[in-house]
C-alpha atoms as a PDB file:
ATOM      1  CA  MET A   1     -18.197  13.480  16.776  1.00  0.00           C
ATOM      2  CA  THR A   2     -21.942  12.946  17.164  1.00  0.00           C
ATOM      3  CA  GLN A   3     -23.731  10.509  19.406  1.00  0.00           C
ATOM      4  CA  ALA A   4     -24.803   7.025  18.393  1.00  0.00           C
ATOM      5  CA  SER A   5     -28.446   8.180  18.239  1.00  0.00           C
ATOM      6  CA  ASP A   6     -27.463  10.343  15.252  1.00  0.00           C
ATOM      7  CA  SER A   7     -26.439   7.297  13.224  1.00  0.00           C
ATOM      8  CA  PRO A   8     -28.322   6.977   9.934  1.00  0.00           C
ATOM      9  CA  SER A   9     -31.345   4.713   9.712  1.00  0.00           C
ATOM     10  CA  ARG A  10     -31.201   1.249   8.229  1.00  0.00           C
ATOM     11  CA  THR A  11     -33.303   2.441   5.272  1.00  0.00           C
ATOM     12  CA  ARG A  12     -30.898   5.292   4.519  1.00  0.00           C
ATOM     13  CA  VAL A  13     -27.799   3.079   4.690  1.00  0.00           C
ATOM     14  CA  LEU A  14     -29.303   0.454   2.384  1.00  0.00           C
ATOM     15  CA  ALA A  15     -30.561   3.149  -0.020  1.00  0.00           C
ATOM     16  CA  VAL A  16     -27.082   4.690  -0.291  1.00  0.00           C
ATOM     17  CA  LEU A  17     -25.616   1.223  -0.816  1.00  0.00           C
ATOM     18  CA  ALA A  18     -28.136   0.464  -3.589  1.00  0.00           C
ATOM     19  CA  ALA A  19     -27.411   3.786  -5.327  1.00  0.00           C
ATOM     20  CA  GLY A  20     -23.693   3.020  -5.157  1.00  0.00           C
ATOM     21  CA  VAL A  21     -24.233  -0.342  -6.844  1.00  0.00           C
ATOM     22  CA  LEU A  22     -26.194   1.307  -9.665  1.00  0.00           C
ATOM     23  CA  VAL A  23     -23.449   3.862 -10.296  1.00  0.00           C
ATOM     24  CA  VAL A  24     -20.661   1.260 -10.146  1.00  0.00           C
ATOM     25  CA  SER A  25     -22.533  -0.836 -12.729  1.00  0.00           C
ATOM     26  CA  THR A  26     -21.624   1.748 -15.378  1.00  0.00           C
ATOM     27  CA  ALA A  27     -17.875   1.239 -14.856  1.00  0.00           C
ATOM     28  CA  SER A  28     -17.445  -1.783 -17.130  1.00  0.00           C
ATOM     29  CA  ILE A  29     -19.247   0.004 -19.981  1.00  0.00           C
ATOM     30  CA  LEU A  30     -17.031   3.087 -19.691  1.00  0.00           C
ATOM     31  CA  ILE A  31     -13.953   0.846 -19.521  1.00  0.00           C
ATOM     32  CA  ARG A  32     -14.983  -1.082 -22.640  1.00  0.00           C
ATOM     33  CA  TRP A  33     -15.490   2.196 -24.538  1.00  0.00           C
ATOM     34  CA  LEU A  34     -12.094   3.448 -23.381  1.00  0.00           C
ATOM     35  CA  GLN A  35     -10.418   0.201 -24.434  1.00  0.00           C
ATOM     36  CA  SER A  36     -12.077   0.453 -27.853  1.00  0.00           C
ATOM     37  CA  ASP A  37     -10.604   3.971 -28.125  1.00  0.00           C
ATOM     38  CA  GLY A  38      -7.134   2.506 -27.618  1.00  0.00           C
ATOM     39  CA  VAL A  39      -6.592   3.475 -23.971  1.00  0.00           C
ATOM     40  CA  PRO A  40      -4.596   0.658 -22.250  1.00  0.00           C
ATOM     41  CA  SER A  41      -6.177  -1.036 -19.239  1.00  0.00           C
ATOM     42  CA  LEU A  42      -3.472   0.032 -16.775  1.00  0.00           C
ATOM     43  CA  SER A  43      -3.766   3.617 -18.009  1.00  0.00           C
ATOM     44  CA  ILE A  44      -7.516   3.465 -17.349  1.00  0.00           C
ATOM     45  CA  ALA A  45      -6.951   2.117 -13.833  1.00  0.00           C
ATOM     46  CA  ALA A  46      -4.268   4.710 -13.076  1.00  0.00           C
ATOM     47  CA  TRP A  47      -6.321   7.704 -14.188  1.00  0.00           C
ATOM     48  CA  ARG A  48      -9.502   6.435 -12.521  1.00  0.00           C
ATOM     49  CA  LEU A  49      -7.776   6.595  -9.140  1.00  0.00           C
ATOM     50  CA  ALA A  50      -5.540   9.574  -9.944  1.00  0.00           C
ATOM     51  CA  PHE A  51      -8.473  11.808 -10.887  1.00  0.00           C
ATOM     52  CA  ALA A  52     -10.394  10.678  -7.802  1.00  0.00           C
ATOM     53  CA  ALA A  53      -7.411  11.343  -5.526  1.00  0.00           C
ATOM     54  CA  LEU A  54      -6.728  14.766  -7.066  1.00  0.00           C
ATOM     55  CA  ILE A  55     -10.361  15.833  -6.652  1.00  0.00           C
ATOM     56  CA  LEU A  56     -10.357  14.721  -3.005  1.00  0.00           C
ATOM     57  CA  ALA A  57      -6.922  16.049  -2.014  1.00  0.00           C
ATOM     58  CA  PRO A  58      -7.805  19.728  -1.290  1.00  0.00           C
ATOM     59  CA  VAL A  59     -10.861  18.783   0.778  1.00  0.00           C
ATOM     60  CA  VAL A  60      -8.990  16.103   2.727  1.00  0.00           C
ATOM     61  CA  LEU A  61      -6.067  18.423   3.499  1.00  0.00           C
ATOM     62  CA  VAL A  62      -8.399  21.148   4.786  1.00  0.00           C
ATOM     63  CA  ARG A  63     -10.898  19.075   6.749  1.00  0.00           C
ATOM     64  CA  CYS A  64      -8.844  16.089   7.918  1.00  0.00           C
ATOM     65  CA  ARG A  65      -5.408  17.558   8.635  1.00  0.00           C
ATOM     66  CA  ASP A  66      -5.653  17.079  12.412  1.00  0.00           C
ATOM     67  CA  GLU A  67      -7.168  13.604  12.139  1.00  0.00           C
ATOM     68  CA  LEU A  68      -4.446  12.403   9.790  1.00  0.00           C
ATOM     69  CA  ALA A  69      -1.716  13.975  11.944  1.00  0.00           C
ATOM     70  CA  GLY A  70      -2.985  12.032  14.965  1.00  0.00           C
ATOM     71  CA  LEU A  71      -3.379   8.742  13.151  1.00  0.00           C
ATOM     72  CA  ALA A  72      -1.404   5.851  14.651  1.00  0.00           C
ATOM     73  CA  TRP A  73       1.357   4.323  12.539  1.00  0.00           C
ATOM     74  CA  ARG A  74      -0.491   1.008  12.530  1.00  0.00           C
ATOM     75  CA  ASP A  75      -3.579   2.664  11.051  1.00  0.00           C
ATOM     76  CA  TRP A  76      -1.445   4.420   8.439  1.00  0.00           C
ATOM     77  CA  GLY A  77      -0.007   1.046   7.490  1.00  0.00           C
ATOM     78  CA  LEU A  78      -3.451  -0.533   7.234  1.00  0.00           C
ATOM     79  CA  ALA A  79      -4.804   2.339   5.115  1.00  0.00           C
ATOM     80  CA  ILE A  80      -1.833   2.108   2.749  1.00  0.00           C
ATOM     81  CA  ALA A  81      -2.310  -1.666   2.534  1.00  0.00           C
ATOM     82  CA  SER A  82      -5.985  -1.121   1.715  1.00  0.00           C
ATOM     83  CA  GLY A  83      -4.953   1.227  -1.104  1.00  0.00           C
ATOM     84  CA  ALA A  84      -2.517  -1.365  -2.439  1.00  0.00           C
ATOM     85  CA  PHE A  85      -5.278  -4.005  -2.440  1.00  0.00           C
ATOM     86  CA  LEU A  86      -7.566  -1.576  -4.265  1.00  0.00           C
ATOM     87  CA  ALA A  87      -4.874  -0.900  -6.872  1.00  0.00           C
ATOM     88  CA  ALA A  88      -4.367  -4.630  -7.430  1.00  0.00           C
ATOM     89  CA  HIS A  89      -8.126  -5.100  -7.748  1.00  0.00           C
ATOM     90  CA  PHE A  90      -8.511  -2.470 -10.457  1.00  0.00           C
ATOM     91  CA  ALA A  91      -5.367  -3.462 -12.333  1.00  0.00           C
ATOM     92  CA  THR A  92      -6.486  -7.092 -12.655  1.00  0.00           C
ATOM     93  CA  TRP A  93     -10.217  -6.554 -13.103  1.00  0.00           C
ATOM     94  CA  ILE A  94      -9.936  -3.826 -15.758  1.00  0.00           C
ATOM     95  CA  LEU A  95      -7.371  -5.923 -17.627  1.00  0.00           C
ATOM     96  CA  SER A  96      -9.738  -8.917 -17.498  1.00  0.00           C
ATOM     97  CA  LEU A  97     -12.247  -6.975 -19.611  1.00  0.00           C
ATOM     98  CA  GLU A  98      -9.813  -7.179 -22.526  1.00  0.00           C
ATOM     99  CA  TYR A  99     -10.090 -10.970 -22.603  1.00  0.00           C
ATOM    100  CA  THR A 100     -13.599 -11.908 -21.503  1.00  0.00           C
ATOM    101  CA  SER A 101     -17.140 -10.547 -21.649  1.00  0.00           C
ATOM    102  CA  VAL A 102     -18.562  -7.957 -19.277  1.00  0.00           C
ATOM    103  CA  ALA A 103     -20.928 -10.528 -17.758  1.00  0.00           C
ATOM    104  CA  SER A 104     -18.166 -13.074 -17.150  1.00  0.00           C
ATOM    105  CA  SER A 105     -15.775 -10.512 -15.693  1.00  0.00           C
ATOM    106  CA  VAL A 106     -18.168  -8.807 -13.299  1.00  0.00           C
ATOM    107  CA  ALA A 107     -19.754 -12.094 -12.242  1.00  0.00           C
ATOM    108  CA  LEU A 108     -16.458 -13.765 -11.412  1.00  0.00           C
ATOM    109  CA  VAL A 109     -14.998 -10.715  -9.681  1.00  0.00           C
ATOM    110  CA  ALA A 110     -18.158 -10.641  -7.548  1.00  0.00           C
ATOM    111  CA  THR A 111     -17.511 -14.061  -6.003  1.00  0.00           C
ATOM    112  CA  ASN A 112     -15.800 -12.332  -3.065  1.00  0.00           C
ATOM    113  CA  PRO A 113     -18.647 -13.021  -0.558  1.00  0.00           C
ATOM    114  CA  ILE A 114     -17.200 -16.535  -0.181  1.00  0.00           C
ATOM    115  CA  TRP A 115     -13.820 -15.156   0.877  1.00  0.00           C
ATOM    116  CA  ILE A 116     -15.286 -12.195   2.802  1.00  0.00           C
ATOM    117  CA  GLY A 117     -17.598 -14.462   4.798  1.00  0.00           C
ATOM    118  CA  ILE A 118     -14.788 -16.827   5.762  1.00  0.00           C
ATOM    119  CA  ALA A 119     -12.342 -14.021   6.558  1.00  0.00           C
ATOM    120  CA  SER A 120     -14.920 -12.025   8.574  1.00  0.00           C
ATOM    121  CA  TRP A 121     -15.605 -15.088  10.706  1.00  0.00           C
ATOM    122  CA  TRP A 122     -11.904 -15.866  11.110  1.00  0.00           C
ATOM    123  CA  LEU A 123     -10.538 -12.342  11.659  1.00  0.00           C
ATOM    124  CA  PHE A 124     -13.453 -10.415  13.211  1.00  0.00           C
ATOM    125  CA  ARG A 125     -15.421 -13.329  14.724  1.00  0.00           C
ATOM    126  CA  GLU A 126     -18.544 -12.112  12.892  1.00  0.00           C
ATOM    127  CA  ARG A 127     -21.062 -14.918  13.203  1.00  0.00           C
ATOM    128  CA  LEU A 128     -22.567 -16.229   9.984  1.00  0.00           C
ATOM    129  CA  GLY A 129     -26.050 -17.504  10.771  1.00  0.00           C
ATOM    130  CA  ALA A 130     -27.932 -20.046   8.696  1.00  0.00           C
ATOM    131  CA  ALA A 131     -29.881 -17.354   6.807  1.00  0.00           C
ATOM    132  CA  MET A 132     -26.705 -15.490   5.859  1.00  0.00           C
ATOM    133  CA  VAL A 133     -25.124 -18.730   4.647  1.00  0.00           C
ATOM    134  CA  VAL A 134     -28.201 -19.309   2.450  1.00  0.00           C
ATOM    135  CA  ALA A 135     -27.969 -15.720   1.182  1.00  0.00           C
ATOM    136  CA  ILE A 136     -24.317 -16.180   0.255  1.00  0.00           C
ATOM    137  CA  ALA A 137     -25.120 -19.477  -1.457  1.00  0.00           C
ATOM    138  CA  LEU A 138     -27.925 -17.900  -3.517  1.00  0.00           C
ATOM    139  CA  ALA A 139     -25.802 -14.921  -4.521  1.00  0.00           C
ATOM    140  CA  VAL A 140     -22.795 -17.005  -5.461  1.00  0.00           C
ATOM    141  CA  ALA A 141     -24.965 -19.506  -7.352  1.00  0.00           C
ATOM    142  CA  GLY A 142     -26.503 -16.670  -9.344  1.00  0.00           C
ATOM    143  CA  SER A 143     -23.065 -15.254 -10.094  1.00  0.00           C
ATOM    144  CA  ALA A 144     -21.882 -18.683 -11.250  1.00  0.00           C
ATOM    145  CA  VAL A 145     -24.886 -19.119 -13.573  1.00  0.00           C
ATOM    146  CA  VAL A 146     -24.238 -15.750 -15.216  1.00  0.00           C
ATOM    147  CA  PHE A 147     -20.536 -16.566 -15.608  1.00  0.00           C
ATOM    148  CA  LEU A 148     -20.960 -20.120 -16.939  1.00  0.00           C
ATOM    149  CA  THR A 149     -23.728 -19.181 -19.357  1.00  0.00           C
ATOM    150  CA  ASP A 150     -21.685 -16.368 -20.842  1.00  0.00           C
ATOM    151  CA  ALA A 151     -18.508 -18.446 -21.038  1.00  0.00           C
ATOM    152  CA  ALA A 152     -20.368 -21.257 -22.851  1.00  0.00           C
ATOM    153  CA  ASP A 153     -21.437 -18.795 -25.548  1.00  0.00           C
ATOM    154  CA  GLU A 154     -17.846 -17.858 -26.422  1.00  0.00           C
ATOM    155  CA  ALA A 155     -15.675 -19.585 -29.022  1.00  0.00           C
ATOM    156  CA  GLY A 156     -12.934 -20.403 -26.544  1.00  0.00           C
ATOM    157  CA  ALA A 157     -12.547 -20.428 -22.776  1.00  0.00           C
ATOM    158  CA  PRO A 158     -11.293 -16.981 -21.766  1.00  0.00           C
ATOM    159  CA  VAL A 159      -8.919 -18.505 -19.214  1.00  0.00           C
ATOM    160  CA  LEU A 160      -6.694 -15.449 -18.796  1.00  0.00           C
ATOM    161  CA  GLY A 161      -9.575 -13.010 -18.410  1.00  0.00           C
ATOM    162  CA  ASN A 162     -11.334 -15.257 -15.936  1.00  0.00           C
ATOM    163  CA  ALA A 163      -8.137 -15.748 -13.918  1.00  0.00           C
ATOM    164  CA  LEU A 164      -7.560 -11.986 -13.778  1.00  0.00           C
ATOM    165  CA  ALA A 165     -11.146 -11.412 -12.641  1.00  0.00           C
ATOM    166  CA  LEU A 166     -10.710 -14.017  -9.909  1.00  0.00           C
ATOM    167  CA  ILE A 167      -7.544 -12.274  -8.688  1.00  0.00           C
ATOM    168  CA  GLY A 168      -9.550  -9.053  -8.676  1.00  0.00           C
ATOM    169  CA  SER A 169     -12.128 -10.762  -6.487  1.00  0.00           C
ATOM    170  CA  LEU A 170      -9.524 -11.942  -3.993  1.00  0.00           C
ATOM    171  CA  THR A 171      -7.746  -8.590  -3.749  1.00  0.00           C
ATOM    172  CA  VAL A 172     -10.934  -6.604  -3.190  1.00  0.00           C
ATOM    173  CA  CYS A 173     -11.514  -8.733  -0.079  1.00  0.00           C
ATOM    174  CA  GLY A 174      -8.453  -7.201   1.576  1.00  0.00           C
ATOM    175  CA  TYR A 175      -9.707  -3.736   0.658  1.00  0.00           C
ATOM    176  CA  LEU A 176     -13.162  -4.360   2.184  1.00  0.00           C
ATOM    177  CA  LEU A 177     -11.918  -6.115   5.320  1.00  0.00           C
ATOM    178  CA  ILE A 178      -9.341  -3.443   6.142  1.00  0.00           C
ATOM    179  CA  GLY A 179     -11.956  -0.797   5.429  1.00  0.00           C
ATOM    180  CA  ARG A 180     -14.320  -2.472   7.875  1.00  0.00           C
ATOM    181  CA  ARG A 181     -11.606  -2.268  10.550  1.00  0.00           C
ATOM    182  CA  LEU A 182     -10.512   1.330   9.905  1.00  0.00           C
ATOM    183  CA  ARG A 183     -13.967   2.819   9.384  1.00  0.00           C
ATOM    184  CA  ARG A 184     -14.719   2.125  13.049  1.00  0.00           C
ATOM    185  CA  THR A 185     -12.315   4.904  14.016  1.00  0.00           C
ATOM    186  CA  MET A 186     -11.507   6.927  10.874  1.00  0.00           C
ATOM    187  CA  SER A 187     -13.831   9.401   9.202  1.00  0.00           C
ATOM    188  CA  LEU A 188     -14.925   8.556   5.675  1.00  0.00           C
ATOM    189  CA  LEU A 189     -13.087  11.483   4.104  1.00  0.00           C
ATOM    190  CA  ALA A 190      -9.773  10.742   5.815  1.00  0.00           C
ATOM    191  CA  TYR A 191      -9.998   7.049   4.954  1.00  0.00           C
ATOM    192  CA  ILE A 192     -10.761   7.401   1.251  1.00  0.00           C
ATOM    193  CA  GLY A 193      -8.266  10.268   0.967  1.00  0.00           C
ATOM    194  CA  VAL A 194      -5.417   7.996   2.039  1.00  0.00           C
ATOM    195  CA  VAL A 195      -6.660   4.854   0.283  1.00  0.00           C
ATOM    196  CA  TYR A 196      -7.444   6.423  -3.096  1.00  0.00           C
ATOM    197  CA  ALA A 197      -4.165   8.363  -3.109  1.00  0.00           C
ATOM    198  CA  THR A 198      -2.199   5.200  -2.296  1.00  0.00           C
ATOM    199  CA  ALA A 199      -3.987   3.235  -5.017  1.00  0.00           C
ATOM    200  CA  ALA A 200      -3.358   6.041  -7.522  1.00  0.00           C
ATOM    201  CA  VAL A 201       0.387   6.127  -6.766  1.00  0.00           C
ATOM    202  CA  CYS A 202       0.630   2.319  -7.063  1.00  0.00           C
ATOM    203  CA  LEU A 203      -1.207   2.267 -10.400  1.00  0.00           C
ATOM    204  CA  VAL A 204       0.702   5.196 -11.907  1.00  0.00           C
ATOM    205  CA  LEU A 205       4.009   3.556 -10.969  1.00  0.00           C
ATOM    206  CA  LEU A 206       2.832   0.217 -12.375  1.00  0.00           C
ATOM    207  CA  ALA A 207       1.678   1.807 -15.632  1.00  0.00           C
ATOM    208  CA  ALA A 208       5.000   3.615 -15.991  1.00  0.00           C
ATOM    209  CA  ALA A 209       6.938   0.422 -15.229  1.00  0.00           C
ATOM    210  CA  VAL A 210       5.231  -1.552 -18.011  1.00  0.00           C
ATOM    211  CA  GLY A 211       5.269   1.320 -20.491  1.00  0.00           C
ATOM    212  CA  ALA A 212       1.536   2.054 -20.512  1.00  0.00           C
ATOM    213  CA  PRO A 213       1.015   5.663 -21.703  1.00  0.00           C
ATOM    214  CA  LEU A 214      -0.489   8.213 -19.316  1.00  0.00           C
ATOM    215  CA  GLY A 215      -1.219  10.825 -21.986  1.00  0.00           C
ATOM    216  CA  GLY A 216      -1.936  11.416 -25.650  1.00  0.00           C
ATOM    217  CA  PHE A 217      -5.572  10.278 -25.480  1.00  0.00           C
ATOM    218  CA  ALA A 218      -8.498  11.718 -27.444  1.00  0.00           C
ATOM    219  CA  PRO A 219     -10.627  14.431 -25.747  1.00  0.00           C
ATOM    220  CA  ALA A 220     -13.573  12.024 -25.504  1.00  0.00           C
ATOM    221  CA  SER A 221     -11.349   9.497 -23.700  1.00  0.00           C
ATOM    222  CA  TRP A 222     -10.304  12.097 -21.129  1.00  0.00           C
ATOM    223  CA  LEU A 223     -13.971  12.887 -20.471  1.00  0.00           C
ATOM    224  CA  MET A 224     -14.745   9.184 -19.979  1.00  0.00           C
ATOM    225  CA  LEU A 225     -11.781   8.803 -17.615  1.00  0.00           C
ATOM    226  CA  LEU A 226     -13.068  11.751 -15.584  1.00  0.00           C
ATOM    227  CA  ALA A 227     -16.587  10.269 -15.570  1.00  0.00           C
ATOM    228  CA  LEU A 228     -15.146   6.952 -14.373  1.00  0.00           C
ATOM    229  CA  ALA A 229     -13.431   8.734 -11.478  1.00  0.00           C
ATOM    230  CA  ILE A 230     -16.407  10.876 -10.444  1.00  0.00           C
ATOM    231  CA  GLY A 231     -19.150   8.280 -10.936  1.00  0.00           C
ATOM    232  CA  PRO A 232     -18.119   4.686 -10.163  1.00  0.00           C
ATOM    233  CA  GLN A 233     -15.138   5.706  -7.988  1.00  0.00           C
ATOM    234  CA  LEU A 234     -16.037   8.812  -5.971  1.00  0.00           C
ATOM    235  CA  LEU A 235     -19.795   8.226  -5.806  1.00  0.00           C
ATOM    236  CA  GLY A 236     -19.961   4.433  -6.104  1.00  0.00           C
ATOM    237  CA  HIS A 237     -16.993   3.090  -4.135  1.00  0.00           C
ATOM    238  CA  THR A 238     -17.219   5.893  -1.574  1.00  0.00           C
ATOM    239  CA  SER A 239     -20.794   4.846  -0.785  1.00  0.00           C
ATOM    240  CA  PHE A 240     -19.449   1.348   0.002  1.00  0.00           C
ATOM    241  CA  ASN A 241     -16.805   2.794   2.316  1.00  0.00           C
ATOM    242  CA  TRP A 242     -19.425   4.933   4.049  1.00  0.00           C
ATOM    243  CA  ALA A 243     -21.684   1.917   4.570  1.00  0.00           C
ATOM    244  CA  LEU A 244     -18.791  -0.145   6.009  1.00  0.00           C
ATOM    245  CA  LYS A 245     -19.158   1.820   9.250  1.00  0.00           C
ATOM    246  CA  TYR A 246     -22.694   0.499   9.762  1.00  0.00           C
ATOM    247  CA  LEU A 247     -22.872  -2.874   7.982  1.00  0.00           C
ATOM    248  CA  SER A 248     -20.674  -5.964   7.892  1.00  0.00           C
ATOM    249  CA  ALA A 249     -18.119  -6.485   5.147  1.00  0.00           C
ATOM    250  CA  THR A 250     -20.082  -9.611   4.169  1.00  0.00           C
ATOM    251  CA  LEU A 251     -23.238  -7.613   3.456  1.00  0.00           C
ATOM    252  CA  ILE A 252     -21.304  -4.969   1.509  1.00  0.00           C
ATOM    253  CA  ALA A 253     -19.742  -7.706  -0.614  1.00  0.00           C
ATOM    254  CA  LEU A 254     -23.165  -9.252  -1.225  1.00  0.00           C
ATOM    255  CA  ALA A 255     -24.671  -5.911  -2.215  1.00  0.00           C
ATOM    256  CA  ILE A 256     -21.865  -5.387  -4.711  1.00  0.00           C
ATOM    257  CA  LEU A 257     -23.118  -8.585  -6.361  1.00  0.00           C
ATOM    258  CA  GLY A 258     -25.850  -6.383  -7.812  1.00  0.00           C
ATOM    259  CA  GLU A 259     -23.193  -4.991 -10.153  1.00  0.00           C
ATOM    260  CA  PRO A 260     -23.254  -8.034 -12.484  1.00  0.00           C
ATOM    261  CA  VAL A 261     -26.981  -7.499 -12.966  1.00  0.00           C
ATOM    262  CA  GLY A 262     -26.684  -3.819 -13.819  1.00  0.00           C
ATOM    263  CA  SER A 263     -23.536  -4.283 -15.908  1.00  0.00           C
ATOM    264  CA  THR A 264     -24.992  -7.195 -17.891  1.00  0.00           C
ATOM    265  CA  VAL A 265     -28.160  -5.244 -18.705  1.00  0.00           C
ATOM    266  CA  LEU A 266     -26.119  -2.203 -19.789  1.00  0.00           C
ATOM    267  CA  ALA A 267     -23.796  -4.410 -21.854  1.00  0.00           C
ATOM    268  CA  TRP A 268     -26.855  -5.856 -23.608  1.00  0.00           C
ATOM    269  CA  LEU A 269     -28.308  -2.412 -24.317  1.00  0.00           C
ATOM    270  CA  LEU A 270     -25.110  -0.525 -25.189  1.00  0.00           C
ATOM    271  CA  LEU A 271     -22.614  -3.168 -26.352  1.00  0.00           C
ATOM    272  CA  GLY A 272     -24.937  -5.747 -27.888  1.00  0.00           C
ATOM    273  CA  GLU A 273     -23.908  -8.578 -25.517  1.00  0.00           C
ATOM    274  CA  PRO A 274     -26.932 -10.932 -25.389  1.00  0.00           C
ATOM    275  CA  VAL A 275     -28.814 -11.910 -22.252  1.00  0.00           C
ATOM    276  CA  GLY A 276     -30.593 -15.273 -22.437  1.00  0.00           C
ATOM    277  CA  PRO A 277     -33.204 -16.855 -20.156  1.00  0.00           C
ATOM    278  CA  VAL A 278     -30.625 -18.860 -18.187  1.00  0.00           C
ATOM    279  CA  LYS A 279     -28.663 -15.700 -17.451  1.00  0.00           C
ATOM    280  CA  LEU A 280     -31.880 -14.042 -16.250  1.00  0.00           C
ATOM    281  CA  VAL A 281     -32.308 -16.908 -13.786  1.00  0.00           C
ATOM    282  CA  GLY A 282     -28.830 -16.183 -12.495  1.00  0.00           C
ATOM    283  CA  MET A 283     -29.699 -12.515 -12.014  1.00  0.00           C
ATOM    284  CA  THR A 284     -32.806 -13.509 -10.053  1.00  0.00           C
ATOM    285  CA  LEU A 285     -30.717 -15.676  -7.730  1.00  0.00           C
ATOM    286  CA  LEU A 286     -28.303 -12.781  -7.217  1.00  0.00           C
ATOM    287  CA  LEU A 287     -31.076 -10.391  -6.243  1.00  0.00           C
ATOM    288  CA  ALA A 288     -32.662 -12.964  -3.932  1.00  0.00           C
ATOM    289  CA  GLY A 289     -29.364 -13.436  -2.106  1.00  0.00           C
ATOM    290  CA  ILE A 290     -28.822  -9.696  -1.762  1.00  0.00           C
ATOM    291  CA  PHE A 291     -32.357  -9.141  -0.434  1.00  0.00           C
ATOM    292  CA  LEU A 292     -32.075 -11.956   2.108  1.00  0.00           C
ATOM    293  CA  ALA A 293     -28.683 -10.716   3.289  1.00  0.00           C
ATOM    294  CA  ALA A 294     -30.036  -7.194   3.751  1.00  0.00           C
ATOM    295  CA  ARG A 295     -32.872  -8.531   5.918  1.00  0.00           C
ATOM    296  CA  VAL A 296     -30.524 -10.665   8.005  1.00  0.00           C
ATOM    297  CA  ALA A 297     -27.694  -8.162   8.507  1.00  0.00           C
ATOM    298  CA  ALA A 298     -29.847  -5.287   9.710  1.00  0.00           C
ATOM    299  CA  PRO A 299     -33.182  -6.639  11.028  1.00  0.00           C
ATOM    300  CA  ARG A 300     -35.923  -4.124  11.621  1.00  0.00           C
ATOM    301  CA  GLY A 301     -35.741  -2.447  14.976  1.00  0.00           C
ATOM    302  CA  ARG A 302     -32.063  -3.198  15.643  1.00  0.00           C
ATOM    303  CA  PRO A 303     -29.905  -0.056  15.743  1.00  0.00           C
ATOM    304  CA  LEU A 304     -26.932   0.139  13.434  1.00  0.00           C
ATOM    305  CA  THR A 305     -23.583   0.074  15.172  1.00  0.00           C
ATOM    306  CA  GLY A 306     -20.964   2.789  15.187  1.00  0.00           C
ATOM    307  CA  ARG A 307     -21.124   6.561  15.398  1.00  0.00           C
ATOM    308  CA  ALA A 308     -21.499   8.755  12.357  1.00  0.00           C
ATOM    309  CA  LYS A 309     -18.826  11.207  11.343  1.00  0.00           C
END
């Protein structure tokens, strides 16, 4: 374990977080392509986590054997619970993309800063200053504009898709909050090894229980499933878990709000989903909230907390 002075700089942490958001923004496009190829949503969720867990397993077993062996039962329980929350998040969010647009789904699932902010204050006593409250309000307002504009353009209200996306938003809060707690003591590799494996087992069992196939897909679909695991999951979500050691869960949740911007632009370019001027206003509000939150959560000159592993 290194000393606190070896902790990464604020610029590095925010840069990794921004790169993670960009990579994660490709997930909804890959999922839409997979769904159009006939791959069921639960199958997509199961293989996304299964591939990620299988890739990580050898490295985790070699490098984290002693750490995992010494882990307290309470921490094991929390890590497994985090994996279950992550499984629920992906199961509901990926399914929501069958019933509503990319912009609506990613915007609604990104409303979690409201719940994260309240829970962080209640559980961890993390103070929400006036500037952070304004940042949350801007980000959530932008998310709402994107969602409402897109929903108004559709023939009918995608109630089921929107409800599933909202459940995905609520469940990801548990994943982020538990991660914030465990990343204070667990290394990144040990944490994601347990969490991703747990989520994979939950999703595979769920897919099997409802009869969703786990094989028989086209070669191109297998390649997209692997890309989904390596890109948005291993590179994208892992960057969020790494940053949780140095930034609050509220800031991580706000940064993830950049995903609706990236996903909506990609959906416009690759799927033909239109982006109007009102939706662009919403994106601007999102970015303003994220920028303000980044300035508030890690002001210049203040060292980041925690020790790097």
